[in-house]
Structures are given as C-alpha cells and as structure tokens.
C-alpha atoms as a PDB file:
ATOM      1  CA  MET A   1      38.671  13.594 -10.895  1.00  0.00           C
ATOM      2  CA  LEU A   2      35.060  15.246 -10.104  1.00  0.00           C
ATOM      3  CA  LYS A   3      34.539  16.629  -6.855  1.00  0.00           C
ATOM      4  CA  ILE A   4      31.706  14.892  -4.573  1.00  0.00           C
ATOM      5  CA  GLN A   5      29.375  18.410  -4.536  1.00  0.00           C
ATOM      6  CA  GLU A   6      29.843  18.097  -8.097  1.00  0.00           C
ATOM      7  CA  ILE A   7      28.821  14.541  -8.275  1.00  0.00           C
ATOM      8  CA  ARG A   8      26.070  14.832  -6.292  1.00  0.00           C
ATOM      9  CA  GLU A   9      24.977  17.773  -8.899  1.00  0.00           C
ATOM     10  CA  LEU A  10      24.515  15.305 -11.659  1.00  0.00           C
ATOM     11  CA  ILE A  11      22.856  13.134 -10.108  1.00  0.00           C
ATOM     12  CA  LYS A  12      19.836  15.554  -8.971  1.00  0.00           C
ATOM     13  CA  LEU A  13      19.959  16.188 -12.468  1.00  0.00           C
ATOM     14  CA  ILE A  14      19.915  12.974 -13.920  1.00  0.00           C
ATOM     15  CA  ASP A  15      17.602  12.290 -11.782  1.00  0.00           C
ATOM     16  CA  THR A  16      15.380  15.143 -12.615  1.00  0.00           C
ATOM     17  CA  SER A  17      15.536  14.707 -16.411  1.00  0.00           C
ATOM     18  CA  SER A  18      14.736  11.943 -19.069  1.00  0.00           C
ATOM     19  CA  ILE A  19      17.722  10.167 -18.439  1.00  0.00           C
ATOM     20  CA  ASP A  20      17.799   6.545 -18.089  1.00  0.00           C
ATOM     21  CA  GLU A  21      21.808   5.664 -18.008  1.00  0.00           C
ATOM     22  CA  PHE A  22      24.422   8.097 -18.207  1.00  0.00           C
ATOM     23  CA  THR A  23      28.664   7.527 -18.324  1.00  0.00           C
ATOM     24  CA  TYR A  24      30.997  10.539 -17.827  1.00  0.00           C
ATOM     25  CA  GLU A  25      34.575   9.140 -18.323  1.00  0.00           C
ATOM     26  CA  HIS A  26      37.764  11.665 -17.962  1.00  0.00           C
ATOM     27  CA  GLU A  27      41.845  11.140 -16.943  1.00  0.00           C
ATOM     28  CA  GLY A  28      40.984   7.639 -16.096  1.00  0.00           C
ATOM     29  CA  SER A  29      37.919   7.933 -14.259  1.00  0.00           C
ATOM     30  CA  LYS A  30      34.693   6.582 -14.850  1.00  0.00           C
ATOM     31  CA  ILE A  31      31.382   8.038 -13.345  1.00  0.00           C
ATOM     32  CA  LYS A  32      27.876   5.229 -14.528  1.00  0.00           C
ATOM     33  CA  MET A  33      24.513   5.918 -13.527  1.00  0.00           C
ATOM     34  CA  LYS A  34      21.312   4.407 -14.429  1.00  0.00           C
ATOM     35  CA  LYS A  35      17.704   5.084 -12.810  1.00  0.00           C
ATOM     36  CA  ASN A  36      14.815   2.327 -13.192  1.00  0.00           C
ATOM     37  CA  ALA A  37      11.770   4.272 -13.095  1.00  0.00           C
ATOM     38  CA  VAL A  38       8.782   1.931 -12.563  1.00  0.00           C
ATOM     39  CA  LEU A  39       5.771   3.793 -12.936  1.00  0.00           C
ATOM     40  CA  GLU A  40       7.090   7.211 -11.906  1.00  0.00           C
ATOM     41  CA  GLY A  41       8.677   5.839  -8.615  1.00  0.00           C
ATOM     42  CA  GLN A  42       6.345   3.810  -7.504  1.00  0.00           C
ATOM     43  CA  GLU A  43       6.924  -0.074  -7.728  1.00  0.00           C
ATOM     44  CA  VAL A  44       3.666  -2.817  -6.969  1.00  0.00           C
ATOM     45  CA  ILE A  45       4.448  -5.532  -4.952  1.00  0.00           C
ATOM     46  CA  GLN A  46       1.850  -8.342  -3.598  1.00  0.00           C
ATOM     47  CA  SER A  47       1.741  -9.094  -0.352  1.00  0.00           C
ATOM     48  CA  VAL A  48       2.943 -12.411   0.603  1.00  0.00           C
ATOM     49  CA  PRO A  49       2.069 -14.205   4.418  1.00  0.00           C
ATOM     50  CA  SER A  50       5.796 -14.162   5.752  1.00  0.00           C
ATOM     51  CA  ALA A  51       6.813 -17.658   5.861  1.00  0.00           C
ATOM     52  CA  PRO A  52      10.075 -19.096   6.724  1.00  0.00           C
ATOM     53  CA  ALA A  53      12.768 -18.269   4.855  1.00  0.00           C
ATOM     54  CA  VAL A  54      14.690 -21.247   3.108  1.00  0.00           C
ATOM     55  CA  GLN A  55      18.868 -21.284   3.957  1.00  0.00           C
ATOM     56  CA  PRO A  56      20.682 -22.636   1.487  1.00  0.00           C
ATOM     57  CA  ALA A  57      22.550 -25.266   2.875  1.00  0.00           C
ATOM     58  CA  GLN A  58      26.115 -24.077   4.373  1.00  0.00           C
ATOM     59  CA  GLN A  59      28.365 -26.960   2.744  1.00  0.00           C
ATOM     60  CA  PRO A  60      27.532 -29.015  -0.713  1.00  0.00           C
ATOM     61  CA  ALA A  61      24.919 -31.873  -0.445  1.00  0.00           C
ATOM     62  CA  PRO A  62      25.575 -35.457  -1.100  1.00  0.00           C
ATOM     63  CA  ALA A  63      24.800 -36.284  -4.876  1.00  0.00           C
ATOM     64  CA  ALA A  64      21.862 -38.418  -3.327  1.00  0.00           C
ATOM     65  CA  ALA A  65      20.197 -35.576  -1.605  1.00  0.00           C
ATOM     66  CA  ALA A  66      20.645 -33.058  -4.502  1.00  0.00           C
ATOM     67  CA  PRO A  67      17.092 -34.257  -6.370  1.00  0.00           C
ATOM     68  CA  GLU A  68      15.838 -33.323  -2.819  1.00  0.00           C
ATOM     69  CA  ALA A  69      17.477 -29.692  -1.818  1.00  0.00           C
ATOM     70  CA  VAL A  70      15.838 -29.063  -5.433  1.00  0.00           C
ATOM     71  CA  GLU A  71      12.120 -29.775  -4.886  1.00  0.00           C
ATOM     72  CA  ALA A  72      11.769 -27.800  -1.591  1.00  0.00           C
ATOM     73  CA  PRO A  73      11.953 -24.555  -3.423  1.00  0.00           C
ATOM     74  CA  LYS A  74       9.938 -25.686  -5.969  1.00  0.00           C
ATOM     75  CA  ALA A  75       6.765 -26.914  -3.570  1.00  0.00           C
ATOM     76  CA  GLU A  76       7.272 -23.753  -1.420  1.00  0.00           C
ATOM     77  CA  GLN A  77       7.779 -20.871  -4.779  1.00  0.00           C
ATOM     78  CA  LYS A  78       3.712 -23.327  -5.904  1.00  0.00           C
ATOM     79  CA  GLU A  79       2.474 -21.867  -2.263  1.00  0.00           C
ATOM     80  CA  THR A  80       3.689 -19.069  -2.613  1.00  0.00           C
ATOM     81  CA  LYS A  81       1.819 -18.912  -6.352  1.00  0.00           C
ATOM     82  CA  ASP A  82      -1.376 -19.700  -4.787  1.00  0.00           C
ATOM     83  CA  SER A  83      -1.385 -17.564  -1.510  1.00  0.00           C
ATOM     84  CA  GLN A  84      -0.177 -14.576  -3.984  1.00  0.00           C
ATOM     85  CA  SER A  85      -3.312 -15.577  -5.955  1.00  0.00           C
ATOM     86  CA  ALA A  86      -5.629 -16.121  -3.278  1.00  0.00           C
ATOM     87  CA  GLY A  87      -6.851 -12.728  -2.587  1.00  0.00           C
ATOM     88  CA  ALA A  88      -3.748 -11.213  -0.945  1.00  0.00           C
ATOM     89  CA  GLY A  89      -3.648  -7.554  -1.691  1.00  0.00           C
ATOM     90  CA  SER A  90      -0.886  -6.131  -3.527  1.00  0.00           C
ATOM     91  CA  PHE A  91       0.499  -2.876  -2.343  1.00  0.00           C
ATOM     92  CA  VAL A  92       2.492   0.464  -3.762  1.00  0.00           C
ATOM     93  CA  LYS A  93       5.749   1.076  -3.068  1.00  0.00           C
ATOM     94  CA  ILE A  94       6.257   5.182  -2.356  1.00  0.00           C
ATOM     95  CA  THR A  95      10.006   5.199  -2.980  1.00  0.00           C
ATOM     96  CA  SER A  96      12.980   7.461  -2.426  1.00  0.00           C
ATOM     97  CA  PRO A  97      13.445   9.996  -6.008  1.00  0.00           C
ATOM     98  CA  MET A  98      16.360  11.321  -4.870  1.00  0.00           C
ATOM     99  CA  VAL A  99      19.773  10.794  -2.627  1.00  0.00           C
ATOM    100  CA  GLY A 100      18.787  12.603   0.348  1.00  0.00           C
ATOM    101  CA  THR A 101      17.650  12.603   4.433  1.00  0.00           C
ATOM    102  CA  PHE A 102      14.554  11.509   5.180  1.00  0.00           C
ATOM    103  CA  TYR A 103      11.797  13.563   7.333  1.00  0.00           C
ATOM    104  CA  SER A 104       8.552  13.151   8.406  1.00  0.00           C
ATOM    105  CA  ALA A 105       7.290  16.038   9.585  1.00  0.00           C
ATOM    106  CA  SER A 106       8.383  20.141   8.140  1.00  0.00           C
ATOM    107  CA  SER A 107       9.733  20.748  11.366  1.00  0.00           C
ATOM    108  CA  PRO A 108      10.797  18.716  14.645  1.00  0.00           C
ATOM    109  CA  ASP A 109       7.609  19.832  16.044  1.00  0.00           C
ATOM    110  CA  ALA A 110       5.139  19.344  13.908  1.00  0.00           C
ATOM    111  CA  GLU A 111       3.007  16.261  13.372  1.00  0.00           C
ATOM    112  CA  ALA A 112       4.220  13.562  11.131  1.00  0.00           C
ATOM    113  CA  PHE A 113       2.307  14.239   7.057  1.00  0.00           C
ATOM    114  CA  VAL A 114       1.333  10.564   7.396  1.00  0.00           C
ATOM    115  CA  LYS A 115       1.147   7.742  10.101  1.00  0.00           C
ATOM    116  CA  ASN A 116       0.334   3.494   9.586  1.00  0.00           C
ATOM    117  CA  GLY A 117      -3.942   4.036   8.501  1.00  0.00           C
ATOM    118  CA  SER A 118      -3.452   7.376   7.540  1.00  0.00           C
ATOM    119  CA  LYS A 119      -5.393   8.025   3.972  1.00  0.00           C
ATOM    120  CA  VAL A 120      -3.733   9.426   0.967  1.00  0.00           C
ATOM    121  CA  SER A 121      -4.529  10.999  -2.435  1.00  0.00           C
ATOM    122  CA  LYS A 122      -2.267  11.754  -5.226  1.00  0.00           C
ATOM    123  CA  ASP A 123      -1.095  15.133  -4.083  1.00  0.00           C
ATOM    124  CA  SER A 124      -0.665  14.597  -0.283  1.00  0.00           C
ATOM    125  CA  VAL A 125       2.681  15.225   0.635  1.00  0.00           C
ATOM    126  CA  VAL A 126       3.847  12.413   2.905  1.00  0.00           C
ATOM    127  CA  CYS A 127       7.265  13.296   3.651  1.00  0.00           C
ATOM    128  CA  ILE A 128      10.653  15.599   2.717  1.00  0.00           C
ATOM    129  CA  VAL A 129      13.536  14.535   1.651  1.00  0.00           C
ATOM    130  CA  GLU A 130      16.619  17.363   2.171  1.00  0.00           C
ATOM    131  CA  ALA A 131      19.163  16.671  -0.457  1.00  0.00           C
ATOM    132  CA  MET A 132      21.931  19.654  -0.393  1.00  0.00           C
ATOM    133  CA  LYS A 133      20.117  21.832   1.544  1.00  0.00           C
ATOM    134  CA  LEU A 134      16.830  21.572  -0.631  1.00  0.00           C
ATOM    135  CA  PHE A 135      13.560  19.928   0.765  1.00  0.00           C
ATOM    136  CA  ASN A 136      11.754  18.398  -1.036  1.00  0.00           C
ATOM    137  CA  GLU A 137       8.336  17.565  -0.585  1.00  0.00           C
ATOM    138  CA  ILE A 138       7.447  14.300  -1.745  1.00  0.00           C
ATOM    139  CA  GLU A 139       4.061  12.963  -2.428  1.00  0.00           C
ATOM    140  CA  ALA A 140       1.652  10.063  -2.305  1.00  0.00           C
ATOM    141  CA  GLU A 141       1.145  10.411  -6.345  1.00  0.00           C
ATOM    142  CA  VAL A 142      -1.643   7.268  -5.226  1.00  0.00           C
ATOM    143  CA  ASN A 143      -5.074   7.114  -3.706  1.00  0.00           C
ATOM    144  CA  GLY A 144      -5.420   4.652  -0.727  1.00  0.00           C
ATOM    145  CA  GLU A 145      -3.964   3.530   2.784  1.00  0.00           C
ATOM    146  CA  VAL A 146      -0.723   3.836   4.074  1.00  0.00           C
ATOM    147  CA  VAL A 147       0.117   0.220   5.817  1.00  0.00           C
ATOM    148  CA  GLU A 148       3.461   0.547   6.559  1.00  0.00           C
ATOM    149  CA  ILE A 149       6.429   3.530   7.065  1.00  0.00           C
ATOM    150  CA  LEU A 150       9.604   1.680   5.530  1.00  0.00           C
ATOM    151  CA  VAL A 151      12.216   4.709   7.153  1.00  0.00           C
ATOM    152  CA  GLU A 152      12.650   6.145  10.181  1.00  0.00           C
ATOM    153  CA  ASN A 153      12.813   9.732  11.002  1.00  0.00           C
ATOM    154  CA  GLY A 154      16.153  11.347   9.948  1.00  0.00           C
ATOM    155  CA  GLN A 155      17.462   8.605   7.923  1.00  0.00           C
ATOM    156  CA  LEU A 156      19.240   8.965   5.231  1.00  0.00           C
ATOM    157  CA  VAL A 157      17.749   7.528   1.962  1.00  0.00           C
ATOM    158  CA  GLU A 158      19.277   6.240  -1.324  1.00  0.00           C
ATOM    159  CA  TYR A 159      17.517   6.837  -5.012  1.00  0.00           C
ATOM    160  CA  GLY A 160      14.782   4.428  -5.741  1.00  0.00           C
ATOM    161  CA  GLN A 161      14.208   2.939  -1.894  1.00  0.00           C
ATOM    162  CA  PRO A 162      10.566   2.095  -0.758  1.00  0.00           C
ATOM    163  CA  LEU A 163       9.677   4.772   1.977  1.00  0.00           C
ATOM    164  CA  PHE A 164       6.029   3.571   2.079  1.00  0.00           C
ATOM    165  CA  LEU A 165       3.556   1.212   1.482  1.00  0.00           C
ATOM    166  CA  VAL A 166       0.129   2.158   0.086  1.00  0.00           C
ATOM    167  CA  LYS A 167      -2.971   0.071   0.154  1.00  0.00           C
ATOM    168  CA  PRO A 168      -4.396   1.478  -3.248  1.00  0.00           C
ATOM    169  CA  GLU A 169      -8.022   2.099  -3.182  1.00  0.00           C
END
C-alpha cells in the first residue's frame, strides 16, 4: 500500500503532467485520479441574480399534483435563461491547480496580493498555494477585475476548487 506522502507526490506529478486520468493497482489496492482542465484551470460561469431555490418535496407528491410540480422548475429554468441572455456578465473562475493551503499574501504581515476590485493581468500573482512545503504562486491567467474572493486565508483547498471570480476585460 502506498503511504500518504507517496500519494501526494503522485497527485503533484499528475497535476503538472498532461495526463488526464491515472489508475494504479497493487496487491488489491487501487488508486484512480482524474483531472478535468477547462481553459487551463479556469472555468467560465454566468452570473445570475440570486433567486430562491426550489427545494424538492420531502415526500412524494400525489399523482394529481405531479404535473404541477414538474411544470414549476421548467418555468424557473426559462426565467433563468432569460436573465442570463439579458446581459448579466460572465465571470471567470480562477481555480486551485493543486491540493494545498491557500495564502492571500506572501507572509502574515504582508498585504494581500489582491482584494475585491483589484485589477489583474494574466501574469499577476493572486495568491500562494502551499503543498508539501513548497509555496506555489498562482497567477490570474486572465485580464480583468477581481469580483469575489471565494476562500479564506489559511484555508485548505482542493484541486480545481474555485478561489476567485474575475470579471474579464
């Protein structure tokens, strides 16, 4: 069986390689890793005004009420599509390229790399993700304005986890 340190090394190697899927089997143990790169670690999303979410019914609805329950989500989906096409701008997610600890600044007493409203360019450092005692500077890879910081300083982050929302220029 692999030790946790060896698994972390494998994750790092797979993360930096062009391999999208990796499977390792040995003596009845199996490790399977997949990564999905969208625009090299970025994912475009549409901003949608917040609307109350429709909660699924806790108990099955009677057969007579079922058609109404099915129709309500369709109407909401149409409304959401209309609001997206009405010019609600799109944002780009800057995601974590690895598992590690998120740091908003280079040291505890230093100022944060970016704040809400900060302008960034493709090569701007937006944060540091520490993995296995290595401090990796994460670049924006997009020109724009930071709209929202999605994680807290010192928080553990996963591979592919959104860190920032940026309004592209």
